[in-house]
Amino acid sequence: MSEIDYAAEYNNRARVPEHPGILAGWSRDAEAYRAARAGAWRTVDYGAGERQRIDFFPGEGRGAVVVFIHGGYWQSLDRSSSSHLAAGLNARGIDVAVPGYDLCPEVTIAEVLAQMRAAARELARHGRPLVVSGHSAGGHLAACLLATDWRSVDAALPADVVTAAYAISGLFDLAPLIATPLNIALRLDSATAQAISPIHWPPPQHGSLDAVVGGAESSEFLRQSRMITQAWSKAGVATRYGEIPGANHFTVVAPLTDPNSTMTARLAELALAAA
């Protein structure tokens, strides 16, 4: 059996040569959505840095707030490229929060997670539950937030402040990244990779996890999502694994712009069930 080429398996930009056009489209569509919702959306600070802010796109206040965490391997992109992904849920009356975070190597992944916990805490103080979604690195962070012991973060928070996670092309075991060029910025070793990988954490004691992945993604991304759903399901967590036919690592989030897509409908279902 041949050794897995992790550098190739996790190099999504090389696997999708047309990615520059897709990323440019995200920025263009996100800017257009913010302009179309001018006066309706707002930015909330949860920390001191410019990236430690949340763009909040209100719907009709129905159900839980859906949080969307952007990807970029914890070292690229920002919240401004994801605004348009609130469109589908907003059309269904669901409020969407899009937090930013500082990037590696200026911070560690553990510090990024701490920032996302701070963002969730800021949102939760308004008394509404959260459904946390995310793409790629954001999928990792979404699973981590579901599995977080929130009472240890803030004794005033309910244990189930995050009622569900919806991870899109997520990463749940970071050890394979150690031997890839990605690790120049991530600075992981065996111990830190294990500590920040939710597959090695105690499974959450409440809520549900959906892990979906593009059907055209690498075998490692497919494996990662199957792995977390299988492991947490055996521990009693309600999980779902799904593949988006024909979608690659970048097109997999496109259904979030469509209020009638299966992805948007599922997130709306999770949000309304938490009310």
C-alpha atoms as a PDB file:
ATOM      1  CA  MET A   1       0.000   0.000   0.000  1.00  0.00           C
ATOM      2  CA  SER A   2       1.538   3.298  -1.076  1.00  0.00           C
ATOM      3  CA  GLU A   3       2.182   6.103   1.389  1.00  0.00           C
ATOM      4  CA  ILE A   4      -0.339   8.966   1.297  1.00  0.00           C
ATOM      5  CA  ASP A   5       0.960  12.169  -0.266  1.00  0.00           C
ATOM      6  CA  TYR A   6      -0.462  14.554   2.315  1.00  0.00           C
ATOM      7  CA  ALA A   7       1.004  17.618   0.628  1.00  0.00           C
ATOM      8  CA  ALA A   8      -1.011  16.823  -2.508  1.00  0.00           C
ATOM      9  CA  GLU A   9      -4.128  15.698  -0.635  1.00  0.00           C
ATOM     10  CA  TYR A  10      -4.393  18.959   1.296  1.00  0.00           C
ATOM     11  CA  ASN A  11      -3.291  21.342  -1.473  1.00  0.00           C
ATOM     12  CA  ASN A  12      -6.757  22.459  -2.502  1.00  0.00           C
ATOM     13  CA  ARG A  13      -5.558  25.339  -4.650  1.00  0.00           C
ATOM     14  CA  ALA A  14      -3.452  23.010  -6.786  1.00  0.00           C
ATOM     15  CA  ARG A  15      -6.357  20.561  -7.069  1.00  0.00           C
ATOM     16  CA  VAL A  16      -8.662  23.354  -8.294  1.00  0.00           C
ATOM     17  CA  PRO A  17      -6.670  25.425 -10.838  1.00  0.00           C
ATOM     18  CA  GLU A  18      -9.624  27.750 -11.374  1.00  0.00           C
ATOM     19  CA  HIS A  19      -9.619  28.779  -7.707  1.00  0.00           C
ATOM     20  CA  PRO A  20      -8.421  32.388  -8.335  1.00  0.00           C
ATOM     21  CA  GLY A  21     -11.616  33.139 -10.222  1.00  0.00           C
ATOM     22  CA  ILE A  22     -13.749  31.523  -7.541  1.00  0.00           C
ATOM     23  CA  LEU A  23     -12.059  33.494  -4.754  1.00  0.00           C
ATOM     24  CA  ALA A  24     -12.388  36.721  -6.729  1.00  0.00           C
ATOM     25  CA  GLY A  25     -16.074  35.904  -7.149  1.00  0.00           C
ATOM     26  CA  TRP A  26     -16.468  35.484  -3.399  1.00  0.00           C
ATOM     27  CA  SER A  27     -15.031  38.953  -2.768  1.00  0.00           C
ATOM     28  CA  ARG A  28     -17.175  40.508  -5.482  1.00  0.00           C
ATOM     29  CA  ASP A  29     -20.395  38.818  -4.370  1.00  0.00           C
ATOM     30  CA  ALA A  30     -19.730  39.517  -0.694  1.00  0.00           C
ATOM     31  CA  GLU A  31     -19.182  43.222  -1.372  1.00  0.00           C
ATOM     32  CA  ALA A  32     -22.361  43.350  -3.449  1.00  0.00           C
ATOM     33  CA  TYR A  33     -24.363  41.692  -0.672  1.00  0.00           C
ATOM     34  CA  ARG A  34     -23.106  44.154   1.915  1.00  0.00           C
ATOM     35  CA  ALA A  35     -24.039  47.018  -0.409  1.00  0.00           C
ATOM     36  CA  ALA A  36     -27.493  45.561  -1.003  1.00  0.00           C
ATOM     37  CA  ARG A  37     -28.054  45.253   2.771  1.00  0.00           C
ATOM     38  CA  ALA A  38     -26.553  48.660   3.603  1.00  0.00           C
ATOM     39  CA  GLY A  39     -28.116  50.013   6.779  1.00  0.00           C
ATOM     40  CA  ALA A  40     -29.340  46.566   7.810  1.00  0.00           C
ATOM     41  CA  TRP A  41     -26.140  44.762   8.748  1.00  0.00           C
ATOM     42  CA  ARG A  42     -23.695  45.856  11.433  1.00  0.00           C
ATOM     43  CA  THR A  43     -20.268  45.020  12.826  1.00  0.00           C
ATOM     44  CA  VAL A  44     -19.747  43.969  16.448  1.00  0.00           C
ATOM     45  CA  ASP A  45     -16.389  43.956  18.233  1.00  0.00           C
ATOM     46  CA  TYR A  46     -15.521  40.927  20.337  1.00  0.00           C
ATOM     47  CA  GLY A  47     -11.832  41.752  20.871  1.00  0.00           C
ATOM     48  CA  ALA A  48      -9.255  44.480  20.442  1.00  0.00           C
ATOM     49  CA  GLY A  49      -7.909  43.670  16.970  1.00  0.00           C
ATOM     50  CA  GLU A  50      -9.352  44.723  13.614  1.00  0.00           C
ATOM     51  CA  ARG A  51      -9.953  41.092  12.691  1.00  0.00           C
ATOM     52  CA  GLN A  52     -11.684  40.415  16.008  1.00  0.00           C
ATOM     53  CA  ARG A  53     -15.023  41.593  14.737  1.00  0.00           C
ATOM     54  CA  ILE A  54     -18.307  40.009  13.715  1.00  0.00           C
ATOM     55  CA  ASP A  55     -20.386  41.075  10.734  1.00  0.00           C
ATOM     56  CA  PHE A  56     -24.035  40.513  11.684  1.00  0.00           C
ATOM     57  CA  PHE A  57     -26.622  40.072   8.937  1.00  0.00           C
ATOM     58  CA  PRO A  58     -30.131  40.062  10.411  1.00  0.00           C
ATOM     59  CA  GLY A  59     -33.002  38.068   9.024  1.00  0.00           C
ATOM     60  CA  GLU A  60     -36.209  38.162  11.029  1.00  0.00           C
ATOM     61  CA  GLY A  61     -34.742  36.941  14.314  1.00  0.00           C
ATOM     62  CA  ARG A  62     -36.147  33.453  13.856  1.00  0.00           C
ATOM     63  CA  GLY A  63     -34.569  30.614  15.836  1.00  0.00           C
ATOM     64  CA  ALA A  64     -30.899  30.421  16.692  1.00  0.00           C
ATOM     65  CA  VAL A  65     -28.243  32.685  15.241  1.00  0.00           C
ATOM     66  CA  VAL A  66     -26.274  30.816  12.574  1.00  0.00           C
ATOM     67  CA  VAL A  67     -22.557  31.557  12.740  1.00  0.00           C
ATOM     68  CA  PHE A  68     -20.432  31.074   9.610  1.00  0.00           C
ATOM     69  CA  ILE A  69     -16.646  30.802  10.100  1.00  0.00           C
ATOM     70  CA  HIS A  70     -14.483  31.277   7.017  1.00  0.00           C
ATOM     71  CA  GLY A  71     -11.688  28.950   5.945  1.00  0.00           C
ATOM     72  CA  GLY A  72      -8.211  29.527   4.551  1.00  0.00           C
ATOM     73  CA  TYR A  73      -6.214  27.002   6.611  1.00  0.00           C
ATOM     74  CA  TRP A  74      -6.226  29.441   9.556  1.00  0.00           C
ATOM     75  CA  GLN A  75      -3.704  31.548   7.588  1.00  0.00           C
ATOM     76  CA  SER A  76      -5.574  33.375   4.817  1.00  0.00           C
ATOM     77  CA  LEU A  77      -8.879  35.048   3.859  1.00  0.00           C
ATOM     78  CA  ASP A  78     -11.106  37.056   6.186  1.00  0.00           C
ATOM     79  CA  ARG A  79     -14.751  37.601   7.014  1.00  0.00           C
ATOM     80  CA  SER A  80     -15.240  40.119   4.177  1.00  0.00           C
ATOM     81  CA  SER A  81     -15.172  37.335   1.567  1.00  0.00           C
ATOM     82  CA  SER A  82     -18.098  35.467   3.129  1.00  0.00           C
ATOM     83  CA  SER A  83     -20.870  38.068   3.518  1.00  0.00           C
ATOM     84  CA  HIS A  84     -22.893  36.708   0.580  1.00  0.00           C
ATOM     85  CA  LEU A  85     -23.074  33.281   2.224  1.00  0.00           C
ATOM     86  CA  ALA A  86     -25.640  34.778   4.606  1.00  0.00           C
ATOM     87  CA  ALA A  87     -28.058  35.364   1.735  1.00  0.00           C
ATOM     88  CA  GLY A  88     -29.863  32.030   1.709  1.00  0.00           C
ATOM     89  CA  LEU A  89     -30.502  31.953   5.437  1.00  0.00           C
ATOM     90  CA  ASN A  90     -31.420  35.644   5.607  1.00  0.00           C
ATOM     91  CA  ALA A  91     -34.079  34.986   2.972  1.00  0.00           C
ATOM     92  CA  ARG A  92     -35.507  32.349   5.323  1.00  0.00           C
ATOM     93  CA  GLY A  93     -35.609  34.806   8.218  1.00  0.00           C
ATOM     94  CA  ILE A  94     -32.489  33.455   9.962  1.00  0.00           C
ATOM     95  CA  ASP A  95     -29.880  35.824  11.430  1.00  0.00           C
ATOM     96  CA  VAL A  96     -26.282  35.122  10.365  1.00  0.00           C
ATOM     97  CA  ALA A  97     -23.068  36.163  12.114  1.00  0.00           C
ATOM     98  CA  VAL A  98     -19.735  36.076  10.255  1.00  0.00           C
ATOM     99  CA  PRO A  99     -16.765  36.433  12.625  1.00  0.00           C
ATOM    100  CA  GLY A 100     -13.183  37.195  11.678  1.00  0.00           C
ATOM    101  CA  TYR A 101     -10.010  36.079  13.428  1.00  0.00           C
ATOM    102  CA  ASP A 102      -6.277  36.693  13.451  1.00  0.00           C
ATOM    103  CA  LEU A 103      -4.199  34.503  11.168  1.00  0.00           C
ATOM    104  CA  CYS A 104      -1.289  32.130  11.556  1.00  0.00           C
ATOM    105  CA  PRO A 105       1.680  32.513  11.918  1.00  0.00           C
ATOM    106  CA  GLU A 106       1.002  35.718  13.878  1.00  0.00           C
ATOM    107  CA  VAL A 107      -1.115  33.550  16.198  1.00  0.00           C
ATOM    108  CA  THR A 108      -1.456  29.813  16.765  1.00  0.00           C
ATOM    109  CA  ILE A 109      -4.503  27.722  15.889  1.00  0.00           C
ATOM    110  CA  ALA A 110      -5.191  27.448  19.620  1.00  0.00           C
ATOM    111  CA  GLU A 111      -5.335  31.241  19.777  1.00  0.00           C
ATOM    112  CA  VAL A 112      -7.672  31.315  16.770  1.00  0.00           C
ATOM    113  CA  LEU A 113      -9.973  28.913  18.617  1.00  0.00           C
ATOM    114  CA  ALA A 114      -9.829  31.104  21.710  1.00  0.00           C
ATOM    115  CA  GLN A 115     -10.909  34.049  19.558  1.00  0.00           C
ATOM    116  CA  MET A 116     -13.838  32.074  18.118  1.00  0.00           C
ATOM    117  CA  ARG A 117     -14.893  31.164  21.645  1.00  0.00           C
ATOM    118  CA  ALA A 118     -14.777  34.858  22.528  1.00  0.00           C
ATOM    119  CA  ALA A 119     -16.895  35.663  19.457  1.00  0.00           C
ATOM    120  CA  ALA A 120     -19.428  32.989  20.399  1.00  0.00           C
ATOM    121  CA  ARG A 121     -19.511  34.292  23.961  1.00  0.00           C
ATOM    122  CA  GLU A 122     -20.235  37.818  22.669  1.00  0.00           C
ATOM    123  CA  LEU A 123     -23.092  36.535  20.515  1.00  0.00           C
ATOM    124  CA  ALA A 124     -24.472  34.290  23.255  1.00  0.00           C
ATOM    125  CA  ARG A 125     -24.712  37.076  25.811  1.00  0.00           C
ATOM    126  CA  HIS A 126     -27.821  38.285  23.956  1.00  0.00           C
ATOM    127  CA  GLY A 127     -29.593  35.138  25.125  1.00  0.00           C
ATOM    128  CA  ARG A 128     -29.990  33.233  21.893  1.00  0.00           C
ATOM    129  CA  PRO A 129     -28.525  29.819  21.053  1.00  0.00           C
ATOM    130  CA  LEU A 130     -25.974  29.388  18.279  1.00  0.00           C
ATOM    131  CA  VAL A 131     -25.722  27.009  15.345  1.00  0.00           C
ATOM    132  CA  VAL A 132     -22.105  27.157  14.208  1.00  0.00           C
ATOM    133  CA  SER A 133     -21.175  26.432  10.611  1.00  0.00           C
ATOM    134  CA  GLY A 134     -17.845  26.832   8.882  1.00  0.00           C
ATOM    135  CA  HIS A 135     -15.837  25.952   5.805  1.00  0.00           C
ATOM    136  CA  SER A 136     -12.504  24.081   5.834  1.00  0.00           C
ATOM    137  CA  ALA A 137     -10.572  25.546   8.798  1.00  0.00           C
ATOM    138  CA  GLY A 138     -13.926  27.034   9.779  1.00  0.00           C
ATOM    139  CA  GLY A 139     -15.387  23.532   9.825  1.00  0.00           C
ATOM    140  CA  HIS A 140     -12.690  22.530  12.293  1.00  0.00           C
ATOM    141  CA  LEU A 141     -13.540  25.522  14.470  1.00  0.00           C
ATOM    142  CA  ALA A 142     -17.278  24.776  14.271  1.00  0.00           C
ATOM    143  CA  ALA A 143     -16.744  21.240  15.591  1.00  0.00           C
ATOM    144  CA  CYS A 144     -14.466  22.591  18.323  1.00  0.00           C
ATOM    145  CA  LEU A 145     -17.114  25.065  19.469  1.00  0.00           C
ATOM    146  CA  LEU A 146     -19.743  22.321  19.685  1.00  0.00           C
ATOM    147  CA  ALA A 147     -17.372  20.192  21.782  1.00  0.00           C
ATOM    148  CA  THR A 148     -16.330  23.090  24.044  1.00  0.00           C
ATOM    149  CA  ASP A 149     -17.150  22.929  27.752  1.00  0.00           C
ATOM    150  CA  TRP A 150     -18.809  26.341  27.862  1.00  0.00           C
ATOM    151  CA  ARG A 151     -19.196  26.375  31.630  1.00  0.00           C
ATOM    152  CA  SER A 152     -15.399  26.377  31.874  1.00  0.00           C
ATOM    153  CA  VAL A 153     -15.264  29.327  29.461  1.00  0.00           C
ATOM    154  CA  ASP A 154     -17.899  31.346  31.312  1.00  0.00           C
ATOM    155  CA  ALA A 155     -19.943  29.987  34.212  1.00  0.00           C
ATOM    156  CA  ALA A 156     -22.785  32.314  33.214  1.00  0.00           C
ATOM    157  CA  LEU A 157     -23.234  30.587  29.843  1.00  0.00           C
ATOM    158  CA  PRO A 158     -25.553  27.619  29.356  1.00  0.00           C
ATOM    159  CA  ALA A 159     -23.772  24.349  28.629  1.00  0.00           C
ATOM    160  CA  ASP A 160     -25.609  24.080  25.307  1.00  0.00           C
ATOM    161  CA  VAL A 161     -24.967  27.591  24.015  1.00  0.00           C
ATOM    162  CA  VAL A 162     -23.909  25.921  20.725  1.00  0.00           C
ATOM    163  CA  THR A 163     -26.741  23.574  19.806  1.00  0.00           C
ATOM    164  CA  ALA A 164     -25.357  22.222  16.528  1.00  0.00           C
ATOM    165  CA  ALA A 165     -22.339  22.339  14.246  1.00  0.00           C
ATOM    166  CA  TYR A 166     -22.468  22.184  10.457  1.00  0.00           C
ATOM    167  CA  ALA A 167     -18.932  21.605   9.173  1.00  0.00           C
ATOM    168  CA  ILE A 168     -18.322  22.018   5.447  1.00  0.00           C
ATOM    169  CA  SER A 169     -15.110  20.335   4.213  1.00  0.00           C
ATOM    170  CA  GLY A 170     -13.764  20.427   7.737  1.00  0.00           C
ATOM    171  CA  LEU A 171     -10.520  19.213   9.294  1.00  0.00           C
ATOM    172  CA  PHE A 172     -10.785  17.283  12.524  1.00  0.00           C
ATOM    173  CA  ASP A 173      -7.388  15.577  12.800  1.00  0.00           C
ATOM    174  CA  LEU A 174      -4.576  18.047  12.157  1.00  0.00           C
ATOM    175  CA  ALA A 175      -1.689  15.581  12.364  1.00  0.00           C
ATOM    176  CA  PRO A 176      -1.536  15.013   8.569  1.00  0.00           C
ATOM    177  CA  LEU A 177      -0.786  18.727   8.076  1.00  0.00           C
ATOM    178  CA  ILE A 178       2.516  18.502   9.954  1.00  0.00           C
ATOM    179  CA  ALA A 179       4.347  17.080   6.941  1.00  0.00           C
ATOM    180  CA  THR A 180       2.924  19.618   4.463  1.00  0.00           C
ATOM    181  CA  PRO A 181       4.057  23.118   3.463  1.00  0.00           C
ATOM    182  CA  LEU A 182       0.985  24.440   5.273  1.00  0.00           C
ATOM    183  CA  ASN A 183       2.809  23.820   8.521  1.00  0.00           C
ATOM    184  CA  ILE A 184       5.323  26.596   7.850  1.00  0.00           C
ATOM    185  CA  ALA A 185       2.652  28.993   9.126  1.00  0.00           C
ATOM    186  CA  LEU A 186       0.777  26.602  11.416  1.00  0.00           C
ATOM    187  CA  ARG A 187       3.861  25.485  13.391  1.00  0.00           C
ATOM    188  CA  LEU A 188       2.272  22.243  14.543  1.00  0.00           C
ATOM    189  CA  ASP A 189       4.063  19.335  16.146  1.00  0.00           C
ATOM    190  CA  SER A 190       2.556  16.029  17.262  1.00  0.00           C
ATOM    191  CA  ALA A 191       1.520  17.340  20.656  1.00  0.00           C
ATOM    192  CA  THR A 192      -0.028  20.615  19.483  1.00  0.00           C
ATOM    193  CA  ALA A 193      -1.776  18.926  16.549  1.00  0.00           C
ATOM    194  CA  GLN A 194      -3.390  16.398  18.867  1.00  0.00           C
ATOM    195  CA  ALA A 195      -4.382  19.042  21.408  1.00  0.00           C
ATOM    196  CA  ILE A 196      -6.217  21.141  18.807  1.00  0.00           C
ATOM    197  CA  SER A 197      -7.871  18.227  16.936  1.00  0.00           C
ATOM    198  CA  PRO A 198     -11.481  17.624  18.030  1.00  0.00           C
ATOM    199  CA  ILE A 199     -11.260  13.953  17.043  1.00  0.00           C
ATOM    200  CA  HIS A 200      -9.077  13.535  20.149  1.00  0.00           C
ATOM    201  CA  TRP A 201     -11.394  15.462  22.467  1.00  0.00           C
ATOM    202  CA  PRO A 202     -14.239  14.053  24.539  1.00  0.00           C
ATOM    203  CA  PRO A 203     -17.253  14.122  22.200  1.00  0.00           C
ATOM    204  CA  PRO A 204     -19.892  16.766  22.930  1.00  0.00           C
ATOM    205  CA  GLN A 205     -22.535  15.873  25.481  1.00  0.00           C
ATOM    206  CA  HIS A 206     -25.332  17.566  23.571  1.00  0.00           C
ATOM    207  CA  GLY A 207     -26.253  18.831  20.116  1.00  0.00           C
ATOM    208  CA  SER A 208     -25.573  17.465  16.669  1.00  0.00           C
ATOM    209  CA  LEU A 209     -22.875  17.499  14.009  1.00  0.00           C
ATOM    210  CA  ASP A 210     -23.363  17.583  10.247  1.00  0.00           C
ATOM    211  CA  ALA A 211     -20.153  17.068   8.263  1.00  0.00           C
ATOM    212  CA  VAL A 212     -20.531  17.627   4.542  1.00  0.00           C
ATOM    213  CA  VAL A 213     -17.854  17.609   1.864  1.00  0.00           C
ATOM    214  CA  GLY A 214     -17.635  18.104  -1.878  1.00  0.00           C
ATOM    215  CA  GLY A 215     -17.838  14.899  -3.868  1.00  0.00           C
ATOM    216  CA  ALA A 216     -14.874  16.043  -5.998  1.00  0.00           C
ATOM    217  CA  GLU A 217     -12.595  16.730  -3.019  1.00  0.00           C
ATOM    218  CA  SER A 218      -9.521  14.714  -2.102  1.00  0.00           C
ATOM    219  CA  SER A 219      -9.784  11.352  -0.386  1.00  0.00           C
ATOM    220  CA  GLU A 220      -8.353  12.906   2.770  1.00  0.00           C
ATOM    221  CA  PHE A 221     -11.127  15.492   3.015  1.00  0.00           C
ATOM    222  CA  LEU A 222     -13.710  12.773   2.495  1.00  0.00           C
ATOM    223  CA  ARG A 223     -12.011  10.663   5.154  1.00  0.00           C
ATOM    224  CA  GLN A 224     -11.857  13.511   7.665  1.00  0.00           C
ATOM    225  CA  SER A 225     -15.629  14.112   7.537  1.00  0.00           C
ATOM    226  CA  ARG A 226     -16.495  10.406   7.617  1.00  0.00           C
ATOM    227  CA  MET A 227     -14.110   9.907  10.536  1.00  0.00           C
ATOM    228  CA  ILE A 228     -15.591  12.560  12.824  1.00  0.00           C
ATOM    229  CA  THR A 229     -19.201  11.574  12.159  1.00  0.00           C
ATOM    230  CA  GLN A 230     -18.471   7.901  12.743  1.00  0.00           C
ATOM    231  CA  ALA A 231     -16.464   8.498  15.924  1.00  0.00           C
ATOM    232  CA  TRP A 232     -18.935  10.908  17.492  1.00  0.00           C
ATOM    233  CA  SER A 233     -21.914   8.790  16.443  1.00  0.00           C
ATOM    234  CA  LYS A 234     -20.444   5.826  18.328  1.00  0.00           C
ATOM    235  CA  ALA A 235     -20.232   8.101  21.367  1.00  0.00           C
ATOM    236  CA  GLY A 236     -23.937   8.905  21.116  1.00  0.00           C
ATOM    237  CA  VAL A 237     -23.810  12.225  19.241  1.00  0.00           C
ATOM    238  CA  ALA A 238     -26.397  12.795  16.518  1.00  0.00           C
ATOM    239  CA  THR A 239     -24.319  13.062  13.334  1.00  0.00           C
ATOM    240  CA  ARG A 240     -24.860  13.235   9.590  1.00  0.00           C
ATOM    241  CA  TYR A 241     -22.298  12.761   6.825  1.00  0.00           C
ATOM    242  CA  GLY A 242     -23.042  14.092   3.351  1.00  0.00           C
ATOM    243  CA  GLU A 243     -21.372  14.678  -0.001  1.00  0.00           C
ATOM    244  CA  ILE A 244     -22.276  17.485  -2.405  1.00  0.00           C
ATOM    245  CA  PRO A 245     -22.123  15.827  -5.843  1.00  0.00           C
ATOM    246  CA  GLY A 246     -19.531  17.342  -8.171  1.00  0.00           C
ATOM    247  CA  ALA A 247     -18.491  20.078  -5.739  1.00  0.00           C
ATOM    248  CA  ASN A 248     -14.827  20.863  -5.143  1.00  0.00           C
ATOM    249  CA  HIS A 249     -13.294  22.469  -2.072  1.00  0.00           C
ATOM    250  CA  PHE A 250     -14.295  25.957  -3.201  1.00  0.00           C
ATOM    251  CA  THR A 251     -17.653  25.432  -4.904  1.00  0.00           C
ATOM    252  CA  VAL A 252     -18.947  23.373  -1.975  1.00  0.00           C
ATOM    253  CA  VAL A 253     -20.168  26.508  -0.124  1.00  0.00           C
ATOM    254  CA  ALA A 254     -22.145  27.904  -3.077  1.00  0.00           C
ATOM    255  CA  PRO A 255     -25.482  26.413  -1.904  1.00  0.00           C
ATOM    256  CA  LEU A 256     -25.473  28.807   1.067  1.00  0.00           C
ATOM    257  CA  THR A 257     -26.444  31.646  -1.273  1.00  0.00           C
ATOM    258  CA  ASP A 258     -29.610  29.781  -2.338  1.00  0.00           C
ATOM    259  CA  PRO A 259     -32.543  29.840   0.098  1.00  0.00           C
ATOM    260  CA  ASN A 260     -33.926  26.690  -1.509  1.00  0.00           C
ATOM    261  CA  SER A 261     -30.772  24.559  -1.386  1.00  0.00           C
ATOM    262  CA  THR A 262     -30.590  21.447   0.764  1.00  0.00           C
ATOM    263  CA  MET A 263     -27.685  22.987   2.696  1.00  0.00           C
ATOM    264  CA  THR A 264     -29.565  26.175   3.532  1.00  0.00           C
ATOM    265  CA  ALA A 265     -32.715  24.255   4.401  1.00  0.00           C
ATOM    266  CA  ARG A 266     -30.809  22.012   6.810  1.00  0.00           C
ATOM    267  CA  LEU A 267     -29.161  24.966   8.573  1.00  0.00           C
ATOM    268  CA  ALA A 268     -32.551  26.701   8.842  1.00  0.00           C
ATOM    269  CA  GLU A 269     -33.990  23.501  10.297  1.00  0.00           C
ATOM    270  CA  LEU A 270     -31.224  23.366  12.908  1.00  0.00           C
ATOM    271  CA  ALA A 271     -31.709  27.054  13.759  1.00  0.00           C
ATOM    272  CA  LEU A 272     -35.467  26.775  14.168  1.00  0.00           C
ATOM    273  CA  ALA A 273     -35.190  23.576  16.213  1.00  0.00           C
ATOM    274  CA  ALA A 274     -32.999  25.408  18.723  1.00  0.00           C
ATOM    275  CA  ALA A 275     -35.564  28.139  19.364  1.00  0.00           C
END
